[in-house]
Amino acid sequence: MKTVMKTMGAAALVLFLTACNTVEGAGQDIEAAGDKIEETADANKPE
């Protein structure tokens, strides 16, 4: 699970650094990364 979170964090950072040209774009990128992290966390919850 830690590997998945590190991978998601690295992917989010790369996306953030390459895709945002404005403050609004940065906010959208951060929100999208948060959504993916939340989805990953939900998918890996112990039952």
Protein backbone atom coordinates (compact mmCIF):
# COMPACT_ATOMS: atom_id res chain seq x y z
CA MET A 1 0.00 0.00 0.00
CA LYS A 2 2.85 2.39 0.77
CA THR A 3 4.24 1.73 -2.70
CA VAL A 4 0.89 2.60 -4.25
CA MET A 5 0.72 5.85 -2.26
CA LYS A 6 4.29 6.78 -3.21
CA THR A 7 3.55 6.06 -6.86
CA MET A 8 0.37 8.13 -6.74
CA GLY A 9 2.21 10.96 -5.02
CA ALA A 10 4.97 10.95 -7.61
CA ALA A 11 2.46 10.85 -10.45
CA ALA A 12 0.50 13.72 -8.91
CA LEU A 13 3.68 15.77 -8.51
CA VAL A 14 4.69 15.22 -12.13
CA LEU A 15 1.17 16.07 -13.28
CA PHE A 16 1.15 19.18 -11.11
CA LEU A 17 4.52 20.39 -12.35
CA THR A 18 3.78 19.82 -16.02
CA ALA A 19 0.09 20.63 -16.36
CA CYS A 20 -0.65 23.74 -14.34
CA ASN A 21 -0.03 27.16 -15.80
CA THR A 22 -2.37 29.16 -13.58
CA VAL A 23 -3.53 29.17 -9.98
CA GLU A 24 -6.88 27.80 -11.12
CA GLY A 25 -5.12 25.03 -13.02
CA ALA A 26 -3.02 24.22 -9.97
CA GLY A 27 -6.18 23.95 -7.85
CA GLN A 28 -7.76 21.59 -10.35
CA ASP A 29 -4.62 19.45 -10.48
CA ILE A 30 -4.42 19.23 -6.69
CA GLU A 31 -8.11 18.34 -6.46
CA ALA A 32 -7.74 15.62 -9.12
CA ALA A 33 -4.72 14.17 -7.29
CA GLY A 34 -6.68 14.17 -4.02
CA ASP A 35 -9.56 12.36 -5.70
CA LYS A 36 -7.20 9.66 -7.01
CA ILE A 37 -5.59 9.23 -3.59
CA GLU A 38 -9.02 8.95 -1.99
CA GLU A 39 -10.09 6.34 -4.58
CA THR A 40 -6.92 4.35 -3.96
CA ALA A 41 -7.40 4.50 -0.20
CA ASP A 42 -11.01 3.35 -0.52
CA ALA A 43 -10.01 0.48 -2.81
CA ASN A 44 -7.38 -0.72 -0.30
CA LYS A 45 -9.45 -0.52 2.88
CA PRO A 46 -9.40 -3.67 4.96
CA GLU A 47 -12.82 -5.26 5.11
